[in-house]
Amino acid sequence: MLRAIYRAAWWIVAPLAVLRLLIRSRRERGYREHIGERFGRVVGRLPEDDTALIWVHAVSVGETRAAQPLIEALIDARPDARILITHMTPSGRATGQQLYGDRVLRCYLPYDMPHAVRRFLRAWRPSLGLVMETEVWPTLIDECRRADVPLVLTNARMSERSYRRAAKFGNAARDVFGGFSRVLAQSPSDAERLTALGARNVAVLGNLKFDMSTPPELAARGHAWRAAIGTRPVWVAASTREGEEELVLQAFAALGLDDALLLLVPRHPQRFDEVAALVAKSGLRVERRSNWAPAATTPSVQLELPPLPQDVRVLLGDSMGEMGAFYAAADVAFIGGSLLPLGGQNLIEACAIGTPVLIGPHVFNFTQATRDAVAAGAAVQVKDPAELGRVLRELFDDRARRVAMGGAASAFAARHRGATERTVGVLTALM
């Protein structure tokens, strides 16, 4: 009965979803492109041959970057196969283009409607499907099972909050989670919750995000920015979400350092103008990274930068794919999505670069990684903007503590690597 209600609801939701795409396209044009793919209509499909196709679903920017070590390893392990990456957002698709170019195929994942999913599977004929982290679509799982396509929940995580919500559906949830061929969990607690929800063949392989590395040219770009910024205290607020920038600015005021610089990097590109206006309204001088440090035509080329004026208090990160450079340019990183009940964002990339991390109280999507980073001395969890400002001041005043946290962060990230190799071993066996 629940399955029938769910599928019927999609017939109501689908026209509204298209309308939402068109509305969002006013701020991000990519939402009005390739709409047919969202209903399984594929252009540029594979030729009718026996080439194996490995399909990886990565919703948006974060999942696409997290999948990078795995995709690179699959390309190396199976040079005879093609890789298809599906996304749900234009920014995720653009990130996939930036990372892989023509080495992979790409399209949008269709909406979770039977006819759309069947059309997608008939067009691409994947030998193996991978969905990342929390992507659980009941119809997609059903149709892959019917089409005999092994579907693996990879780098899987399940927060206590999400578990309680899913468990309310009882046997229906167990039927959905039991449809995966394998579930490769990040941690034992994730595996325990997923198993309780009916997942079969669950293994704990670790978190793929620990195998992410910042390209040397990106780190060099951040160091060049820092040289042009000078010796003033610098912190980055990374992947901030709507409503959170006001809190970050409150913390900046509580910091009480007139020469400090905030690198403010909103998570969603369609909000860049909105955030720039918010900062300007607060009375702080803001400069856009795209105006001050235009990108070189070749990634390995570093353009000579003018010094950043001392009265610029906020540098707005209005670019894509440069988070590693912002971490490299900063003394301390605050990870967004955590001052409001949004679940937090990935702190591992900052740790891997050796940047001390601060994070707010709401981290239910990254509970294990946050807990481990705090225990390792790589991160400090704060409860509100006032405490964020206070701890920032303490770190800026205590260089030895910052250096120790940075070293602990690098060691923490290095200690947990290896999930990619373990995951590739399982996936190649499935093929």
Protein backbone atom coordinates (compact mmCIF):
# COMPACT_ATOMS: atom_id res chain seq x y z
CA MET A 1 0.00 0.00 0.00
CA LEU A 2 2.82 2.43 0.93
CA ARG A 3 4.57 1.69 -2.36
CA ALA A 4 1.38 2.45 -4.30
CA ILE A 5 0.88 5.71 -2.41
CA TYR A 6 4.51 6.68 -2.98
CA ARG A 7 4.32 6.06 -6.72
CA ALA A 8 1.00 7.86 -7.05
CA ALA A 9 2.46 10.84 -5.18
CA TRP A 10 5.20 11.16 -7.79
CA TRP A 11 2.59 11.77 -10.51
CA ILE A 12 1.44 14.76 -8.48
CA VAL A 13 4.92 15.93 -7.53
CA ALA A 14 6.58 15.61 -10.96
CA PRO A 15 4.91 18.69 -12.59
CA LEU A 16 5.68 20.69 -9.46
CA ALA A 17 9.27 19.48 -9.58
CA VAL A 18 9.63 20.76 -13.16
CA LEU A 19 8.13 24.09 -12.12
CA ARG A 20 10.64 24.27 -9.29
CA LEU A 21 13.47 23.62 -11.77
CA LEU A 22 12.29 26.53 -13.89
CA ILE A 23 12.02 28.81 -10.86
CA ARG A 24 15.50 27.86 -9.66
CA SER A 25 16.86 28.40 -13.18
CA ARG A 26 16.30 32.12 -12.72
CA ARG A 27 19.29 32.08 -10.39
CA GLU A 28 21.16 29.08 -11.82
CA ARG A 29 20.49 28.54 -15.52
CA GLY A 30 21.61 24.92 -15.47
CA TYR A 31 18.33 23.87 -13.89
CA ARG A 32 16.45 24.41 -17.16
CA GLU A 33 18.87 22.24 -19.17
CA HIS A 34 18.58 18.48 -19.80
CA ILE A 35 15.10 18.31 -18.24
CA GLY A 36 14.29 15.26 -20.37
CA GLU A 37 17.00 13.31 -18.54
CA ARG A 38 15.04 13.74 -15.33
CA PHE A 39 12.37 11.56 -16.95
CA GLY A 40 14.85 8.99 -18.24
CA ARG A 41 15.16 10.40 -21.78
CA VAL A 42 18.82 9.94 -22.61
CA VAL A 43 20.73 11.52 -25.52
CA GLY A 44 24.17 10.20 -26.43
CA ARG A 45 23.71 6.73 -25.03
CA LEU A 46 26.29 3.98 -25.34
CA PRO A 47 26.49 1.99 -28.60
CA GLU A 48 24.88 -1.42 -28.60
CA ASP A 49 27.93 -3.45 -27.56
CA ASP A 50 29.13 -5.42 -24.56
CA THR A 51 31.12 -2.64 -22.92
CA ALA A 52 30.69 -2.82 -19.15
CA LEU A 53 29.18 0.33 -17.63
CA ILE A 54 29.72 1.27 -14.00
CA TRP A 55 27.13 3.81 -12.90
CA VAL A 56 27.84 6.08 -9.91
CA HIS A 57 25.17 8.40 -8.52
CA ALA A 58 26.54 11.51 -6.79
CA VAL A 59 23.82 14.04 -6.00
CA SER A 60 25.67 17.33 -5.88
CA VAL A 61 29.08 18.90 -5.32
CA GLY A 62 29.94 17.24 -2.00
CA GLU A 63 29.05 13.72 -3.13
CA THR A 64 30.81 14.22 -6.47
CA ARG A 65 34.03 15.25 -4.75
CA ALA A 66 33.72 12.46 -2.19
CA ALA A 67 33.39 9.96 -5.02
CA GLN A 68 36.52 11.21 -6.80
CA PRO A 69 39.04 8.76 -5.25
CA LEU A 70 36.66 5.87 -5.93
CA ILE A 71 35.97 6.89 -9.53
CA GLU A 72 39.67 7.36 -10.27
CA ALA A 73 40.39 3.94 -8.73
CA LEU A 74 37.62 2.31 -10.79
CA ILE A 75 38.98 3.87 -13.98
CA ASP A 76 42.38 2.36 -13.15
CA ALA A 77 41.01 -1.02 -12.06
CA ARG A 78 38.62 -1.43 -15.01
CA PRO A 79 40.07 0.39 -18.04
CA ASP A 80 37.81 -1.77 -20.23
CA ALA A 81 34.66 -0.29 -18.64
CA ARG A 82 32.92 3.05 -19.03
CA ILE A 83 31.90 5.17 -16.06
CA LEU A 84 28.57 7.01 -15.93
CA ILE A 85 28.02 9.64 -13.23
CA THR A 86 24.50 10.83 -12.49
CA HIS A 87 23.66 13.98 -10.54
CA MET A 88 20.64 15.89 -9.30
CA THR A 89 22.03 19.46 -9.41
CA PRO A 90 23.76 21.56 -12.09
CA SER A 91 26.56 22.38 -9.65
CA GLY A 92 27.20 18.66 -9.13
CA ARG A 93 27.21 18.11 -12.88
CA ALA A 94 29.61 21.03 -13.39
CA THR A 95 31.91 19.61 -10.72
CA GLY A 96 31.88 16.24 -12.49
CA GLN A 97 32.84 17.96 -15.75
CA GLN A 98 35.62 19.85 -13.99
CA LEU A 99 37.05 16.74 -12.31
CA TYR A 100 36.76 14.16 -15.08
CA GLY A 101 36.15 15.90 -18.40
CA ASP A 102 35.41 13.41 -21.16
CA ARG A 103 36.78 10.43 -19.25
CA VAL A 104 33.29 9.72 -17.92
CA LEU A 105 29.71 9.93 -19.17
CA ARG A 106 27.20 12.04 -17.27
CA CYS A 107 23.50 12.77 -17.02
CA TYR A 108 20.83 13.53 -14.42
CA LEU A 109 19.27 10.72 -12.44
CA PRO A 110 15.59 10.42 -13.38
CA TYR A 111 12.86 11.16 -10.91
CA ASP A 112 11.84 8.10 -8.88
CA MET A 113 8.99 7.06 -11.20
CA PRO A 114 8.81 3.54 -12.68
CA HIS A 115 8.61 4.51 -16.36
CA ALA A 116 11.45 7.06 -16.00
CA VAL A 117 13.76 4.67 -14.15
CA ARG A 118 13.05 1.83 -16.61
CA ARG A 119 13.80 4.12 -19.54
CA PHE A 120 17.09 5.13 -17.90
CA LEU A 121 18.13 1.53 -17.22
CA ARG A 122 17.22 0.39 -20.76
CA ALA A 123 19.25 3.21 -22.29
CA TRP A 124 22.43 2.77 -20.25
CA ARG A 125 22.30 -0.95 -19.38
CA PRO A 126 24.65 -0.61 -16.35
CA SER A 127 26.59 -3.62 -15.19
CA LEU A 128 26.78 -2.20 -11.67
CA GLY A 129 25.14 0.74 -9.90
CA LEU A 130 26.57 2.68 -6.96
CA VAL A 131 24.61 5.23 -4.95
CA MET A 132 26.53 7.32 -2.46
CA GLU A 133 25.95 7.75 1.27
CA THR A 134 22.22 8.35 1.88
CA GLU A 135 20.62 8.08 -1.55
CA VAL A 136 17.76 5.65 -0.98
CA TRP A 137 15.11 5.81 -3.73
CA PRO A 138 12.52 3.01 -3.40
CA THR A 139 11.49 2.81 -7.07
CA LEU A 140 15.09 2.95 -8.26
CA ILE A 141 15.95 0.05 -5.95
CA ASP A 142 12.91 -1.97 -7.13
CA GLU A 143 13.63 -1.41 -10.82
CA CYS A 144 17.33 -2.28 -10.48
CA ARG A 145 16.33 -5.51 -8.76
CA ARG A 146 13.89 -6.31 -11.58
CA ALA A 147 16.49 -5.48 -14.24
CA ASP A 148 19.09 -7.61 -12.45
CA VAL A 149 21.41 -4.61 -11.95
CA PRO A 150 23.44 -4.99 -8.73
CA LEU A 151 22.91 -1.78 -6.73
CA VAL A 152 25.35 -0.95 -3.94
CA LEU A 153 24.89 1.70 -1.26
CA THR A 154 28.46 2.97 -1.05
CA ASN A 155 30.12 5.04 1.68
CA ALA A 156 26.80 4.54 3.45
CA ARG A 157 25.87 6.49 6.53
CA MET A 158 22.75 6.48 8.67
CA SER A 159 22.37 9.00 11.47
CA GLU A 160 20.37 8.17 14.59
CA ARG A 161 17.85 10.81 13.55
CA SER A 162 17.41 9.32 10.06
CA TYR A 163 17.23 5.83 11.52
CA ARG A 164 14.37 6.72 13.84
CA ARG A 165 12.50 8.32 10.96
CA ALA A 166 12.97 5.33 8.63
CA ALA A 167 12.16 2.77 11.33
CA LYS A 168 8.64 4.17 11.60
CA PHE A 169 7.88 2.57 8.22
CA GLY A 170 8.52 -0.93 9.57
CA ASN A 171 8.39 -3.67 6.93
CA ALA A 172 8.23 -1.15 4.11
CA ALA A 173 11.63 0.23 5.15
CA ARG A 174 13.07 -3.27 5.47
CA ASP A 175 11.86 -4.09 1.97
CA VAL A 176 13.55 -0.96 0.57
CA PHE A 177 16.89 -1.36 2.34
CA GLY A 178 16.87 -5.08 1.68
CA GLY A 179 16.83 -4.34 -2.06
CA PHE A 180 20.48 -3.27 -2.13
CA SER A 181 22.87 -5.99 -3.30
CA ARG A 182 25.54 -4.77 -0.89
CA VAL A 183 25.81 -1.97 1.67
CA LEU A 184 29.30 -0.61 2.35
CA ALA A 185 29.09 1.41 5.55
CA GLN A 186 31.38 4.13 6.88
CA SER A 187 31.35 3.01 10.51
CA PRO A 188 30.11 0.19 12.78
CA SER A 189 27.27 2.40 14.08
CA ASP A 190 26.14 3.13 10.52
CA ALA A 191 26.26 -0.60 9.74
CA GLU A 192 24.24 -1.46 12.85
CA ARG A 193 21.45 0.99 11.99
CA LEU A 194 21.34 -0.05 8.33
CA THR A 195 21.17 -3.73 9.29
CA ALA A 196 18.32 -2.99 11.69
CA LEU A 197 16.47 -1.39 8.76
CA GLY A 198 16.77 -4.57 6.71
CA ALA A 199 19.98 -4.06 4.74
CA ARG A 200 21.73 -7.28 3.73
CA ASN A 201 25.41 -8.01 3.05
CA VAL A 202 26.60 -5.05 5.11
CA ALA A 203 30.33 -4.41 5.49
CA VAL A 204 32.23 -1.63 7.27
CA LEU A 205 34.89 -0.26 4.91
CA GLY A 206 35.48 3.26 6.25
CA ASN A 207 34.82 6.72 4.86
CA LEU A 208 35.87 7.47 1.28
CA LYS A 209 36.23 11.16 2.14
CA PHE A 210 39.46 10.38 4.00
CA ASP A 211 41.01 9.39 0.67
CA MET A 212 40.31 12.77 -0.90
CA SER A 213 43.41 14.87 -1.53
CA THR A 214 43.78 18.51 -2.47
CA PRO A 215 45.51 18.85 -5.86
CA PRO A 216 48.95 20.50 -5.44
CA GLU A 217 48.01 23.35 -7.78
CA LEU A 218 44.97 24.13 -5.63
CA ALA A 219 47.04 24.20 -2.43
CA ALA A 220 49.58 26.43 -4.21
CA ARG A 221 46.76 28.77 -5.21
CA GLY A 222 45.70 29.07 -1.57
CA HIS A 223 49.27 29.79 -0.48
CA ALA A 224 49.51 32.49 -3.17
CA TRP A 225 46.30 34.06 -1.87
CA ARG A 226 47.71 34.01 1.65
CA ALA A 227 50.91 35.73 0.53
CA ALA A 228 48.83 38.50 -1.04
CA ILE A 229 46.63 38.75 2.07
CA GLY A 230 49.60 39.21 4.38
CA THR A 231 50.15 38.30 8.01
CA ARG A 232 46.74 39.26 9.38
CA PRO A 233 44.65 36.54 11.13
CA VAL A 234 42.57 34.62 8.57
CA TRP A 235 39.69 32.21 9.11
CA VAL A 236 37.38 30.52 6.66
CA ALA A 237 33.68 29.80 7.15
CA ALA A 238 33.19 26.97 4.68
CA SER A 239 29.99 25.69 3.08
CA THR A 240 27.67 28.01 4.99
CA ARG A 241 23.94 27.58 4.48
CA GLU A 242 21.00 29.97 4.35
CA GLY A 243 20.48 31.75 7.68
CA GLU A 244 23.95 30.82 8.88
CA GLU A 245 25.94 33.75 7.48
CA GLU A 246 24.28 36.10 9.98
CA LEU A 247 25.52 33.86 12.80
CA VAL A 248 29.01 33.74 11.30
CA LEU A 249 29.07 37.55 11.21
CA GLN A 250 28.00 37.58 14.88
CA ALA A 251 30.95 35.33 15.67
CA PHE A 252 33.21 37.63 13.65
CA ALA A 253 32.08 40.57 15.78
CA ALA A 254 32.63 38.53 18.98
CA LEU A 255 36.16 37.72 17.81
CA GLY A 256 37.13 41.33 18.46
CA LEU A 257 40.12 41.58 16.10
CA ASP A 258 40.00 44.59 13.80
CA ASP A 259 42.60 43.22 11.39
CA ALA A 260 41.15 39.70 11.02
CA LEU A 261 39.92 38.52 7.61
CA LEU A 262 36.96 36.20 7.05
CA LEU A 263 36.93 33.99 3.96
CA LEU A 264 33.20 33.36 3.58
CA VAL A 265 32.30 30.50 1.22
CA PRO A 266 28.55 29.78 0.81
CA ARG A 267 27.73 26.20 -0.09
CA HIS A 268 25.33 27.05 -2.93
CA PRO A 269 26.50 29.26 -5.82
CA GLN A 270 23.05 30.75 -6.42
CA ARG A 271 23.40 32.52 -3.06
CA PHE A 272 26.64 34.40 -3.81
CA ASP A 273 24.93 37.72 -4.61
CA GLU A 274 22.59 37.41 -1.63
CA VAL A 275 25.47 36.80 0.78
CA ALA A 276 27.56 39.64 -0.68
CA ALA A 277 24.64 42.00 -0.08
CA LEU A 278 24.21 40.71 3.48
CA VAL A 279 27.86 41.35 4.34
CA ALA A 280 27.79 44.81 2.78
CA LYS A 281 24.66 45.64 4.79
CA SER A 282 26.50 44.70 7.99
CA GLY A 283 28.97 47.52 7.35
CA LEU A 284 31.98 45.31 6.60
CA ARG A 285 33.86 45.86 3.36
CA VAL A 286 33.52 42.76 1.19
CA GLU A 287 35.56 41.78 -1.86
CA ARG A 288 34.67 38.95 -4.23
CA ARG A 289 37.34 36.38 -4.86
CA SER A 290 36.44 36.47 -8.58
CA ASN A 291 37.21 40.20 -8.74
CA TRP A 292 40.37 40.17 -6.64
CA ALA A 293 41.93 36.89 -7.82
CA PRO A 294 40.60 35.94 -11.28
CA ALA A 295 41.30 32.35 -12.24
CA ALA A 296 44.19 31.59 -14.59
CA THR A 297 43.35 30.03 -17.95
CA THR A 298 45.55 27.05 -17.01
CA PRO A 299 45.21 25.56 -13.50
CA SER A 300 48.98 25.21 -13.04
CA VAL A 301 49.53 28.90 -13.79
CA GLN A 302 49.41 31.30 -10.83
CA LEU A 303 48.52 34.88 -11.68
CA GLU A 304 50.32 37.65 -9.82
CA LEU A 305 47.90 39.07 -7.29
CA PRO A 306 47.65 42.60 -5.92
CA PRO A 307 47.77 42.84 -2.12
CA LEU A 308 44.33 42.56 -0.57
CA PRO A 309 43.46 45.98 0.93
CA GLN A 310 43.64 46.01 4.73
CA ASP A 311 40.13 47.44 5.04
CA VAL A 312 38.63 44.39 3.29
CA ARG A 313 37.23 42.36 6.18
CA VAL A 314 35.39 39.65 4.20
CA LEU A 315 36.59 37.86 1.07
CA LEU A 316 33.61 36.14 -0.53
CA GLY A 317 34.37 32.77 -2.08
CA ASP A 318 32.21 33.06 -5.19
CA SER A 319 33.85 30.27 -7.16
CA MET A 320 33.44 26.53 -7.57
CA GLY A 321 35.93 23.80 -6.83
CA GLU A 322 38.36 25.87 -4.79
CA MET A 323 37.55 24.89 -1.22
CA GLY A 324 40.99 23.33 -0.80
CA ALA A 325 42.59 26.66 -1.70
CA PHE A 326 40.50 28.47 0.91
CA TYR A 327 41.53 25.96 3.57
CA ALA A 328 45.18 26.35 2.56
CA ALA A 329 44.92 30.15 2.87
CA ALA A 330 43.35 30.10 6.36
CA ASP A 331 44.73 29.73 9.88
CA VAL A 332 41.49 28.17 11.15
CA ALA A 333 38.45 26.64 9.41
CA PHE A 334 34.86 26.73 10.59
CA ILE A 335 32.69 24.09 8.91
CA GLY A 336 29.22 25.34 8.01
CA GLY A 337 25.83 23.71 8.14
CA SER A 338 26.43 23.17 11.86
CA LEU A 339 25.30 26.35 13.64
CA LEU A 340 21.73 25.61 12.55
CA PRO A 341 20.08 22.14 12.68
CA LEU A 342 21.20 21.25 9.15
CA GLY A 343 23.42 18.28 9.95
CA GLY A 344 26.85 19.78 9.28
CA GLN A 345 29.28 19.35 6.39
CA ASN A 346 32.45 17.40 5.72
CA LEU A 347 35.39 18.44 7.94
CA ILE A 348 37.84 15.88 6.54
CA GLU A 349 39.17 18.01 3.65
CA ALA A 350 40.21 20.78 6.05
CA CYS A 351 41.88 18.24 8.34
CA ALA A 352 43.77 16.67 5.44
CA ILE A 353 45.28 20.06 4.57
CA GLY A 354 46.33 20.50 8.21
CA THR A 355 43.95 23.33 9.09
CA PRO A 356 42.54 23.39 12.65
CA VAL A 357 38.77 22.89 12.58
CA LEU A 358 35.88 24.43 14.50
CA ILE A 359 32.38 23.08 14.07
CA GLY A 360 28.97 23.86 15.53
CA PRO A 361 26.63 21.67 17.59
CA HIS A 362 24.46 20.28 14.75
CA VAL A 363 26.48 17.51 13.09
CA PHE A 364 24.02 14.61 12.88
CA ASN A 365 25.09 13.85 9.29
CA PHE A 366 28.76 13.63 10.30
CA THR A 367 28.52 12.45 13.91
CA GLN A 368 31.28 9.83 13.79
CA ALA A 369 33.80 11.92 11.86
CA THR A 370 33.21 14.91 14.14
CA ARG A 371 33.48 12.83 17.31
CA ASP A 372 36.72 11.22 16.10
CA ALA A 373 38.24 14.55 15.01
CA VAL A 374 37.48 16.16 18.39
CA ALA A 375 38.92 13.15 20.23
CA ALA A 376 42.08 13.37 18.09
CA GLY A 377 42.61 17.03 18.97
CA ALA A 378 42.00 18.09 15.36
CA ALA A 379 38.72 19.91 15.98
CA VAL A 380 36.80 21.85 18.63
CA GLN A 381 33.02 21.79 18.76
CA VAL A 382 31.32 25.06 19.77
CA LYS A 383 27.75 25.59 20.85
CA ASP A 384 26.90 29.02 19.39
CA PRO A 385 28.31 32.10 17.58
CA ALA A 386 29.59 33.65 20.83
CA GLU A 387 31.65 30.56 21.64
CA LEU A 388 32.83 30.36 18.04
CA GLY A 389 34.18 33.91 18.32
CA ARG A 390 35.79 33.20 21.70
CA VAL A 391 37.57 30.01 20.55
CA LEU A 392 38.73 31.73 17.37
CA ARG A 393 40.32 34.47 19.49
CA GLU A 394 42.01 31.88 21.70
CA LEU A 395 43.49 30.13 18.67
CA PHE A 396 44.68 33.34 17.05
CA ASP A 397 46.35 34.32 20.34
CA ASP A 398 48.01 30.90 20.79
CA ARG A 399 50.07 29.96 17.75
CA ALA A 400 51.47 26.83 19.44
CA ARG A 401 47.96 25.50 19.99
CA ARG A 402 47.04 26.19 16.34
CA VAL A 403 50.13 24.36 15.12
CA ALA A 404 49.39 21.40 17.40
CA MET A 405 45.79 21.21 16.17
CA GLY A 406 46.95 21.40 12.56
CA GLY A 407 49.36 18.51 13.09
CA ALA A 408 46.67 16.50 14.82
CA ALA A 409 44.30 17.20 11.93
CA SER A 410 46.79 15.92 9.33
CA ALA A 411 47.50 12.80 11.39
CA PHE A 412 43.78 12.17 11.95
CA ALA A 413 43.06 12.31 8.20
CA ALA A 414 46.04 10.08 7.33
CA ARG A 415 45.11 7.47 9.94
CA HIS A 416 41.70 6.78 8.41
CA ARG A 417 42.66 6.41 4.76
CA GLY A 418 42.19 3.19 2.80
CA ALA A 419 38.42 2.94 2.26
CA THR A 420 38.80 3.37 -1.51
CA GLU A 421 41.03 0.34 -1.94
CA ARG A 422 38.72 -1.82 0.16
CA THR A 423 35.65 -0.60 -1.73
CA VAL A 424 37.14 -1.25 -5.17
CA GLY A 425 37.97 -4.80 -4.09
CA VAL A 426 34.34 -5.49 -3.22
CA LEU A 427 32.94 -3.80 -6.35
CA THR A 428 35.22 -5.53 -8.85
CA ALA A 429 34.24 -8.87 -7.32
CA LEU A 430 30.56 -8.00 -7.91
CA MET A 431 31.25 -7.37 -11.60
